[in-house]
PDB file of N, CA and C in Angstrom:
ATOM      1  N   MET A   1      94.460 -48.068  64.664  1.00  0.00           N
ATOM      2  CA  MET A   1      93.153 -48.387  65.447  1.00  0.00           C
ATOM      3  C   MET A   1      94.050 -47.983  67.042  1.00  0.00           C
ATOM      4  N   LYS A   2      94.747 -48.672  67.339  1.00  0.00           N
ATOM      5  CA  LYS A   2      96.008 -48.092  68.811  1.00  0.00           C
ATOM      6  C   LYS A   2      96.366 -46.666  68.205  1.00  0.00           C
ATOM      7  N   THR A   3      96.765 -46.671  67.236  1.00  0.00           N
ATOM      8  CA  THR A   3      96.806 -44.731  66.792  1.00  0.00           C
ATOM      9  C   THR A   3      95.866 -43.426  67.804  1.00  0.00           C
ATOM     10  N   VAL A   4      94.747 -44.268  67.005  1.00  0.00           N
ATOM     11  CA  VAL A   4      93.857 -43.170  67.359  1.00  0.00           C
ATOM     12  C   VAL A   4      93.380 -43.419  69.217  1.00  0.00           C
ATOM     13  N   ILE A   5      93.169 -44.080  70.197  1.00  0.00           N
ATOM     14  CA  ILE A   5      93.248 -44.602  71.380  1.00  0.00           C
ATOM     15  C   ILE A   5      93.831 -44.074  72.013  1.00  0.00           C
ATOM     16  N   LEU A   6      95.402 -44.202  71.437  1.00  0.00           N
ATOM     17  CA  LEU A   6      96.686 -43.128  71.581  1.00  0.00           C
ATOM     18  C   LEU A   6      96.111 -41.701  72.005  1.00  0.00           C
ATOM     19  N   ALA A   7      96.557 -40.958  70.784  1.00  0.00           N
ATOM     20  CA  ALA A   7      95.894 -39.620  69.961  1.00  0.00           C
ATOM     21  C   ALA A   7      94.641 -39.152  71.365  1.00  0.00           C
ATOM     22  N   LEU A   8      93.444 -40.269  71.280  1.00  0.00           N
ATOM     23  CA  LEU A   8      92.734 -39.704  72.251  1.00  0.00           C
ATOM     24  C   LEU A   8      92.743 -39.234  73.838  1.00  0.00           C
ATOM     25  N   LEU A   9      94.071 -39.991  74.368  1.00  0.00           N
ATOM     26  CA  LEU A   9      94.296 -40.309  75.777  1.00  0.00           C
ATOM     27  C   LEU A   9      94.828 -39.640  76.173  1.00  0.00           C
ATOM     28  N   VAL A  10      95.901 -38.765  75.154  1.00  0.00           N
ATOM     29  CA  VAL A  10      96.730 -37.755  74.462  1.00  0.00           C
ATOM     30  C   VAL A  10      96.431 -35.983  75.041  1.00  0.00           C
ATOM     31  N   LEU A  11      94.593 -36.302  74.241  1.00  0.00           N
ATOM     32  CA  LEU A  11      94.260 -35.474  73.977  1.00  0.00           C
ATOM     33  C   LEU A  11      93.314 -35.309  75.605  1.00  0.00           C
ATOM     34  N   LEU A  12      92.988 -36.081  75.829  1.00  0.00           N
ATOM     35  CA  LEU A  12      92.304 -35.933  76.944  1.00  0.00           C
ATOM     36  C   LEU A  12      93.176 -35.575  78.364  1.00  0.00           C
ATOM     37  N   VAL A  13      94.470 -36.185  78.763  1.00  0.00           N
ATOM     38  CA  VAL A  13      95.427 -35.570  79.392  1.00  0.00           C
ATOM     39  C   VAL A  13      95.939 -33.977  79.335  1.00  0.00           C
ATOM     40  N   ILE A  14      95.731 -33.514  78.017  1.00  0.00           N
ATOM     41  CA  ILE A  14      96.674 -32.539  77.585  1.00  0.00           C
ATOM     42  C   ILE A  14      95.264 -31.257  78.613  1.00  0.00           C
ATOM     43  N   SER A  15      94.177 -31.625  77.815  1.00  0.00           N
ATOM     44  CA  SER A  15      92.739 -30.726  78.444  1.00  0.00           C
ATOM     45  C   SER A  15      92.647 -31.069  79.427  1.00  0.00           C
ATOM     46  N   GLN A  16      92.716 -32.044  80.562  1.00  0.00           N
ATOM     47  CA  GLN A  16      92.468 -31.959  81.933  1.00  0.00           C
ATOM     48  C   GLN A  16      94.096 -30.786  82.261  1.00  0.00           C
ATOM     49  N   GLY A  17      94.361 -31.278  81.915  1.00  0.00           N
ATOM     50  CA  GLY A  17      95.809 -29.847  82.790  1.00  0.00           C
ATOM     51  C   GLY A  17      95.842 -28.491  82.281  1.00  0.00           C
ATOM     52  N   GLU A  18      94.925 -28.401  81.456  1.00  0.00           N
ATOM     53  CA  GLU A  18      94.976 -26.776  81.219  1.00  0.00           C
ATOM     54  C   GLU A  18      93.141 -26.362  81.840  1.00  0.00           C
ATOM     55  N   ALA A  19      93.048 -26.893  82.634  1.00  0.00           N
ATOM     56  CA  ALA A  19      91.879 -26.625  82.755  1.00  0.00           C
ATOM     57  C   ALA A  19      91.906 -25.449  84.418  1.00  0.00           C
ATOM     58  N   LEU A  20      91.273 -24.733  84.471  1.00  0.00           N
ATOM     59  CA  LEU A  20      91.068 -23.943  85.246  1.00  0.00           C
ATOM     60  C   LEU A  20      90.967 -24.152  86.279  1.00  0.00           C
ATOM     61  N   ARG A  21      91.400 -23.498  87.730  1.00  0.00           N
ATOM     62  CA  ARG A  21      91.152 -23.900  89.191  1.00  0.00           C
ATOM     63  C   ARG A  21      91.231 -22.887  90.075  1.00  0.00           C
ATOM     64  N   CYS A  22      89.863 -22.529  91.113  1.00  0.00           N
ATOM     65  CA  CYS A  22      89.939 -21.560  91.801  1.00  0.00           C
ATOM     66  C   CYS A  22      89.591 -22.149  93.187  1.00  0.00           C
ATOM     67  N   HIS A  23      89.660 -20.772  93.670  1.00  0.00           N
ATOM     68  CA  HIS A  23      89.050 -21.217  95.527  1.00  0.00           C
ATOM     69  C   HIS A  23      87.821 -21.691  95.646  1.00  0.00           C
ATOM     70  N   CYS A  24      87.515 -22.180  95.918  1.00  0.00           N
ATOM     71  CA  CYS A  24      86.195 -22.733  96.775  1.00  0.00           C
ATOM     72  C   CYS A  24      85.659 -22.602  97.943  1.00  0.00           C
ATOM     73  N   VAL A  25      84.527 -21.450  98.044  1.00  0.00           N
ATOM     74  CA  VAL A  25      84.178 -20.950  99.331  1.00  0.00           C
ATOM     75  C   VAL A  25      82.835 -20.798  98.982  1.00  0.00           C
ATOM     76  N   ARG A  26      82.132 -21.822  99.826  1.00  0.00           N
ATOM     77  CA  ARG A  26      80.354 -21.296  99.827  1.00  0.00           C
ATOM     78  C   ARG A  26      79.541 -21.219  98.347  1.00  0.00           C
ATOM     79  N   ASP A  27      80.284 -22.062  97.697  1.00  0.00           N
ATOM     80  CA  ASP A  27      79.609 -22.064  96.691  1.00  0.00           C
ATOM     81  C   ASP A  27      79.174 -23.421  96.648  1.00  0.00           C
ATOM     82  N   ARG A  28      77.685 -24.053  95.655  1.00  0.00           N
ATOM     83  CA  ARG A  28      77.010 -25.168  96.107  1.00  0.00           C
ATOM     84  C   ARG A  28      77.925 -26.175  95.383  1.00  0.00           C
ATOM     85  N   ASP A  29      78.845 -25.852  94.566  1.00  0.00           N
ATOM     86  CA  ASP A  29      79.641 -26.683  93.640  1.00  0.00           C
ATOM     87  C   ASP A  29      81.114 -27.016  94.373  1.00  0.00           C
ATOM     88  N   CYS A  30      81.323 -26.829  95.748  1.00  0.00           N
ATOM     89  CA  CYS A  30      82.609 -27.206  96.342  1.00  0.00           C
ATOM     90  C   CYS A  30      82.590 -28.138  97.261  1.00  0.00           C
ATOM     91  N   SER A  31      83.368 -28.981  97.233  1.00  0.00           N
ATOM     92  CA  SER A  31      83.638 -30.042  97.515  1.00  0.00           C
ATOM     93  C   SER A  31      84.970 -30.203  98.118  1.00  0.00           C
ATOM     94  N   GLY A  32      85.750 -29.001  97.820  1.00  0.00           N
ATOM     95  CA  GLY A  32      86.928 -29.018  98.739  1.00  0.00           C
ATOM     96  C   GLY A  32      87.653 -27.097  98.911  1.00  0.00           C
ATOM     97  N   PRO A  33      88.646 -26.928  99.296  1.00  0.00           N
ATOM     98  CA  PRO A  33      89.158 -25.661  99.076  1.00  0.00           C
ATOM     99  C   PRO A  33      89.074 -25.116  97.975  1.00  0.00           C
ATOM    100  N   ILE A  34      89.872 -26.193  96.881  1.00  0.00           N
ATOM    101  CA  ILE A  34      90.056 -25.692  95.130  1.00  0.00           C
ATOM    102  C   ILE A  34      89.299 -26.804  94.399  1.00  0.00           C
ATOM    103  N   GLN A  35      88.418 -25.692  93.309  1.00  0.00           N
ATOM    104  CA  GLN A  35      87.564 -26.713  92.822  1.00  0.00           C
ATOM    105  C   GLN A  35      88.454 -26.591  91.188  1.00  0.00           C
ATOM    106  N   THR A  36      88.057 -27.456  90.372  1.00  0.00           N
ATOM    107  CA  THR A  36      88.327 -27.494  89.020  1.00  0.00           C
ATOM    108  C   THR A  36      87.308 -26.618  88.166  1.00  0.00           C
ATOM    109  N   CYS A  37      87.341 -25.835  87.443  1.00  0.00           N
ATOM    110  CA  CYS A  37      86.339 -25.436  86.859  1.00  0.00           C
ATOM    111  C   CYS A  37      85.909 -26.639  85.064  1.00  0.00           C
ATOM    112  N   THR A  38      84.784 -26.680  85.451  1.00  0.00           N
ATOM    113  CA  THR A  38      84.293 -27.920  83.616  1.00  0.00           C
ATOM    114  C   THR A  38      82.918 -26.843  83.218  1.00  0.00           C
ATOM    115  N   GLY A  39      82.511 -27.635  82.240  1.00  0.00           N
ATOM    116  CA  GLY A  39      81.576 -26.774  81.230  1.00  0.00           C
ATOM    117  C   GLY A  39      81.425 -25.769  80.813  1.00  0.00           C
ATOM    118  N   PRO A  40      80.228 -24.700  81.214  1.00  0.00           N
ATOM    119  CA  PRO A  40      80.364 -23.600  80.657  1.00  0.00           C
ATOM    120  C   PRO A  40      80.932 -22.665  81.770  1.00  0.00           C
ATOM    121  N   THR A  41      82.034 -23.299  82.873  1.00  0.00           N
ATOM    122  CA  THR A  41      82.488 -22.396  84.146  1.00  0.00           C
ATOM    123  C   THR A  41      83.625 -22.029  83.598  1.00  0.00           C
ATOM    124  N   ASP A  42      83.960 -20.895  83.188  1.00  0.00           N
ATOM    125  CA  ASP A  42      85.078 -20.405  82.419  1.00  0.00           C
ATOM    126  C   ASP A  42      86.485 -19.706  83.044  1.00  0.00           C
ATOM    127  N   VAL A  43      85.663 -19.125  84.517  1.00  0.00           N
ATOM    128  CA  VAL A  43      85.992 -17.677  85.383  1.00  0.00           C
ATOM    129  C   VAL A  43      86.003 -18.012  86.330  1.00  0.00           C
ATOM    130  N   CYS A  44      87.079 -17.705  87.180  1.00  0.00           N
ATOM    131  CA  CYS A  44      86.957 -17.776  88.583  1.00  0.00           C
ATOM    132  C   CYS A  44      86.109 -16.465  89.560  1.00  0.00           C
ATOM    133  N   TYR A  45      85.076 -16.723  90.674  1.00  0.00           N
ATOM    134  CA  TYR A  45      84.685 -15.206  91.110  1.00  0.00           C
ATOM    135  C   TYR A  45      84.620 -15.481  92.601  1.00  0.00           C
ATOM    136  N   PHE A  46      84.937 -14.192  93.056  1.00  0.00           N
ATOM    137  CA  PHE A  46      84.756 -13.777  94.410  1.00  0.00           C
ATOM    138  C   PHE A  46      83.264 -13.344  94.383  1.00  0.00           C
ATOM    139  N   ALA A  47      82.410 -13.388  95.555  1.00  0.00           N
ATOM    140  CA  ALA A  47      81.765 -12.090  96.002  1.00  0.00           C
ATOM    141  C   ALA A  47      81.579 -12.038  97.472  1.00  0.00           C
ATOM    142  N   VAL A  48      80.664 -10.454  97.881  1.00  0.00           N
ATOM    143  CA  VAL A  48      81.020 -10.962  98.978  1.00  0.00           C
ATOM    144  C   VAL A  48      79.352  -9.910  99.108  1.00  0.00           C
ATOM    145  N   ALA A  49      78.878 -10.191  99.847  1.00  0.00           N
ATOM    146  CA  ALA A  49      77.100 -10.419 100.276  1.00  0.00           C
ATOM    147  C   ALA A  49      76.632 -10.104 101.641  1.00  0.00           C
ATOM    148  N   TYR A  50      75.906  -9.461 101.752  1.00  0.00           N
ATOM    149  CA  TYR A  50      74.650  -9.359 102.878  1.00  0.00           C
ATOM    150  C   TYR A  50      73.623 -10.183 102.996  1.00  0.00           C
ATOM    151  N   ILE A  51      73.854 -11.219 103.697  1.00  0.00           N
ATOM    152  CA  ILE A  51      72.428 -12.112 103.448  1.00  0.00           C
ATOM    153  C   ILE A  51      72.117 -13.124 104.648  1.00  0.00           C
ATOM    154  N   PRO A  52      71.788 -12.690 105.779  1.00  0.00           N
ATOM    155  CA  PRO A  52      71.907 -12.025 106.220  1.00  0.00           C
ATOM    156  C   PRO A  52      72.454 -10.732 106.808  1.00  0.00           C
ATOM    157  N   ASP A  53      74.038 -11.605 107.176  1.00  0.00           N
ATOM    158  CA  ASP A  53      75.276 -11.626 107.960  1.00  0.00           C
ATOM    159  C   ASP A  53      76.359 -11.453 106.548  1.00  0.00           C
ATOM    160  N   LEU A  54      77.326 -11.049 106.715  1.00  0.00           N
ATOM    161  CA  LEU A  54      78.424 -10.570 105.544  1.00  0.00           C
ATOM    162  C   LEU A  54      78.525 -11.774 104.929  1.00  0.00           C
ATOM    163  N   THR A  55      79.071 -12.577 104.004  1.00  0.00           N
ATOM    164  CA  THR A  55      79.032 -13.307 103.263  1.00  0.00           C
ATOM    165  C   THR A  55      79.871 -13.878 102.464  1.00  0.00           C
ATOM    166  N   ILE A  56      81.003 -14.591 102.185  1.00  0.00           N
ATOM    167  CA  ILE A  56      82.063 -14.494 101.080  1.00  0.00           C
ATOM    168  C   ILE A  56      81.670 -15.884 100.466  1.00  0.00           C
ATOM    169  N   ALA A  57      81.553 -15.335  99.327  1.00  0.00           N
ATOM    170  CA  ALA A  57      81.614 -16.895  98.147  1.00  0.00           C
ATOM    171  C   ALA A  57      82.721 -16.888  97.030  1.00  0.00           C
ATOM    172  N   ARG A  58      83.594 -18.341  96.732  1.00  0.00           N
ATOM    173  CA  ARG A  58      83.946 -17.937  96.199  1.00  0.00           C
ATOM    174  C   ARG A  58      84.266 -19.423  95.704  1.00  0.00           C
ATOM    175  N   GLY A  59      84.192 -19.160  93.675  1.00  0.00           N
ATOM    176  CA  GLY A  59      84.345 -20.747  92.773  1.00  0.00           C
ATOM    177  C   GLY A  59      84.257 -20.611  91.393  1.00  0.00           C
ATOM    178  N   CYS A  60      83.839 -20.803  90.632  1.00  0.00           N
ATOM    179  CA  CYS A  60      83.792 -21.316  88.924  1.00  0.00           C
ATOM    180  C   CYS A  60      82.672 -20.842  88.598  1.00  0.00           C
ATOM    181  N   THR A  61      82.584 -19.952  87.573  1.00  0.00           N
ATOM    182  CA  THR A  61      81.213 -19.741  87.277  1.00  0.00           C
ATOM    183  C   THR A  61      81.621 -19.516  85.724  1.00  0.00           C
ATOM    184  N   PRO A  62      80.094 -19.414  85.043  1.00  0.00           N
ATOM    185  CA  PRO A  62      80.521 -19.014  83.286  1.00  0.00           C
ATOM    186  C   PRO A  62      80.883 -17.421  83.521  1.00  0.00           C
ATOM    187  N   ALA A  63      81.546 -16.728  82.622  1.00  0.00           N
ATOM    188  CA  ALA A  63      81.768 -15.429  82.585  1.00  0.00           C
ATOM    189  C   ALA A  63      80.709 -14.709  82.384  1.00  0.00           C
ATOM    190  N   ASN A  64      79.310 -14.705  81.675  1.00  0.00           N
ATOM    191  CA  ASN A  64      78.235 -13.940  81.400  1.00  0.00           C
ATOM    192  C   ASN A  64      77.304 -13.771  82.690  1.00  0.00           C
ATOM    193  N   GLU A  65      77.757 -14.343  83.724  1.00  0.00           N
ATOM    194  CA  GLU A  65      77.519 -14.214  84.902  1.00  0.00           C
ATOM    195  C   GLU A  65      77.731 -13.611  85.920  1.00  0.00           C
ATOM    196  N   CYS A  66      78.927 -13.455  85.387  1.00  0.00           N
ATOM    197  CA  CYS A  66      79.695 -12.182  85.892  1.00  0.00           C
ATOM    198  C   CYS A  66      78.872 -10.986  85.919  1.00  0.00           C
ATOM    199  N   ARG A  67      78.842 -10.204  85.008  1.00  0.00           N
ATOM    200  CA  ARG A  67      78.070  -9.244  85.002  1.00  0.00           C
ATOM    201  C   ARG A  67      76.993  -9.138  85.662  1.00  0.00           C
ATOM    202  N   THR A  68      75.782 -10.084  85.615  1.00  0.00           N
ATOM    203  CA  THR A  68      74.592 -10.122  86.594  1.00  0.00           C
ATOM    204  C   THR A  68      74.759 -10.167  88.425  1.00  0.00           C
ATOM    205  N   MET A  69      76.445 -10.642  88.582  1.00  0.00           N
ATOM    206  CA  MET A  69      76.459 -10.626  89.919  1.00  0.00           C
ATOM    207  C   MET A  69      76.202  -9.236  90.938  1.00  0.00           C
ATOM    208  N   ARG A  70      77.480  -8.477  89.545  1.00  0.00           N
ATOM    209  CA  ARG A  70      77.836  -6.974  90.447  1.00  0.00           C
ATOM    210  C   ARG A  70      76.230  -6.313  90.329  1.00  0.00           C
ATOM    211  N   PHE A  71      75.366  -6.420  89.853  1.00  0.00           N
ATOM    212  CA  PHE A  71      73.885  -5.735  90.005  1.00  0.00           C
ATOM    213  C   PHE A  71      72.896  -6.179  91.300  1.00  0.00           C
ATOM    214  N   SER A  72      73.457  -7.711  91.183  1.00  0.00           N
ATOM    215  CA  SER A  72      72.916  -8.172  92.216  1.00  0.00           C
ATOM    216  C   SER A  72      72.592  -7.625  93.634  1.00  0.00           C
ATOM    217  N   ASP A  73      71.488  -7.018  94.093  1.00  0.00           N
ATOM    218  CA  ASP A  73      70.828  -6.099  95.518  1.00  0.00           C
ATOM    219  C   ASP A  73      71.983  -6.906  96.567  1.00  0.00           C
ATOM    220  N   HIS A  74      72.202  -7.667  97.169  1.00  0.00           N
ATOM    221  CA  HIS A  74      72.580  -7.970  98.100  1.00  0.00           C
ATOM    222  C   HIS A  74      74.224  -8.333  97.905  1.00  0.00           C
ATOM    223  N   VAL A  75      74.861  -8.407  96.726  1.00  0.00           N
ATOM    224  CA  VAL A  75      75.783  -8.152  96.664  1.00  0.00           C
ATOM    225  C   VAL A  75      76.708  -6.775  96.744  1.00  0.00           C
ATOM    226  N   VAL A  76      77.408  -6.464  97.383  1.00  0.00           N
ATOM    227  CA  VAL A  76      78.461  -5.462  98.099  1.00  0.00           C
ATOM    228  C   VAL A  76      79.943  -5.660  97.342  1.00  0.00           C
ATOM    229  N   SER A  77      80.261  -7.002  96.554  1.00  0.00           N
ATOM    230  CA  SER A  77      81.412  -6.502  96.239  1.00  0.00           C
ATOM    231  C   SER A  77      81.981  -7.650  95.232  1.00  0.00           C
ATOM    232  N   SER A  78      82.128  -8.257  93.814  1.00  0.00           N
ATOM    233  CA  SER A  78      82.464  -8.945  93.267  1.00  0.00           C
ATOM    234  C   SER A  78      83.318  -8.738  92.085  1.00  0.00           C
ATOM    235  N   GLY A  79      83.793  -9.665  91.425  1.00  0.00           N
ATOM    236  CA  GLY A  79      84.538  -9.804  90.638  1.00  0.00           C
ATOM    237  C   GLY A  79      85.105 -11.567  90.332  1.00  0.00           C
ATOM    238  N   CYS A  80      85.334 -11.176  88.869  1.00  0.00           N
ATOM    239  CA  CYS A  80      86.301 -12.668  88.069  1.00  0.00           C
ATOM    240  C   CYS A  80      87.317 -12.691  87.486  1.00  0.00           C
ATOM    241  N   CYS A  81      87.881 -13.486  87.372  1.00  0.00           N
ATOM    242  CA  CYS A  81      89.228 -13.720  86.723  1.00  0.00           C
ATOM    243  C   CYS A  81      89.702 -14.739  86.391  1.00  0.00           C
ATOM    244  N   ARG A  82      90.873 -15.100  85.340  1.00  0.00           N
ATOM    245  CA  ARG A  82      90.586 -16.608  84.497  1.00  0.00           C
ATOM    246  C   ARG A  82      92.005 -16.592  84.908  1.00  0.00           C
ATOM    247  N   GLY A  83      92.854 -16.641  85.630  1.00  0.00           N
ATOM    248  CA  GLY A  83      94.042 -17.386  86.235  1.00  0.00           C
ATOM    249  C   GLY A  83      93.412 -17.960  86.833  1.00  0.00           C
ATOM    250  N   ASP A  84      94.854 -19.273  87.186  1.00  0.00           N
ATOM    251  CA  ASP A  84      94.824 -20.182  88.198  1.00  0.00           C
ATOM    252  C   ASP A  84      94.393 -19.614  89.813  1.00  0.00           C
ATOM    253  N   LEU A  85      93.762 -20.321  90.461  1.00  0.00           N
ATOM    254  CA  LEU A  85      93.648 -19.479  91.800  1.00  0.00           C
ATOM    255  C   LEU A  85      93.625 -17.983  92.170  1.00  0.00           C
ATOM    256  N   CYS A  86      93.127 -16.991  91.092  1.00  0.00           N
ATOM    257  CA  CYS A  86      93.269 -15.828  91.123  1.00  0.00           C
ATOM    258  C   CYS A  86      92.166 -15.158  91.696  1.00  0.00           C
ATOM    259  N   ASN A  87      91.410 -16.235  92.638  1.00  0.00           N
ATOM    260  CA  ASN A  87      90.377 -15.317  93.069  1.00  0.00           C
ATOM    261  C   ASN A  87      90.406 -15.325  94.496  1.00  0.00           C
ATOM    262  N   LYS A  88      91.327 -14.913  95.262  1.00  0.00           N
ATOM    263  CA  LYS A  88      91.352 -14.745  97.043  1.00  0.00           C
ATOM    264  C   LYS A  88      90.845 -13.282  96.855  1.00  0.00           C
ATOM    265  N   PHE A  89      89.996 -13.196  97.983  1.00  0.00           N
ATOM    266  CA  PHE A  89      89.176 -12.367  98.272  1.00  0.00           C
ATOM    267  C   PHE A  89      89.976 -10.831  97.982  1.00  0.00           C
ATOM    268  N   GLY A  90      89.007 -10.125  97.112  1.00  0.00           N
ATOM    269  CA  GLY A  90      89.607  -9.076  96.667  1.00  0.00           C
ATOM    270  C   GLY A  90      90.589  -9.117  95.302  1.00  0.00           C
ATOM    271  N   GLU A  91      90.836  -9.905  94.752  1.00  0.00           N
ATOM    272  CA  GLU A  91      91.821  -9.737  93.827  1.00  0.00           C
ATOM    273  C   GLU A  91      90.867 -10.151  92.196  1.00  0.00           C
ATOM    274  N   SER A  92      90.911  -9.073  91.471  1.00  0.00           N
ATOM    275  CA  SER A  92      90.134  -9.197  90.175  1.00  0.00           C
ATOM    276  C   SER A  92      91.421  -8.639  89.269  1.00  0.00           C
ATOM    277  N   ASN A  93      91.244  -9.503  88.439  1.00  0.00           N
ATOM    278  CA  ASN A  93      92.043  -9.019  86.774  1.00  0.00           C
ATOM    279  C   ASN A  93      91.291  -9.446  85.888  1.00  0.00           C
ATOM    280  N   LYS A  94      90.339  -9.001  85.093  1.00  0.00           N
ATOM    281  CA  LYS A  94      89.047  -9.303  84.681  1.00  0.00           C
ATOM    282  C   LYS A  94      89.669  -8.725  83.490  1.00  0.00           C
TER     283      LYS A  94
END
């Protein structure tokens, strides 16, 4: 039984160590300047929009939302990437 508990703890630590981290600005889930992606949010994003003024947002999002973000009426530039802290404005390695 101790072996099973130890194995689960090791898996938990490893999975937390591999979580994607993104710069986070003006995203509803931001709790600080860096966000750790959880659940279905598997890519970092950045977006520039006019709503009504220039707004820059960064954070974690599901990969399938990257496609719809590009076609929003107010978004003038956006992108997604899969590396830690890869979503500085203008840096996208889709």
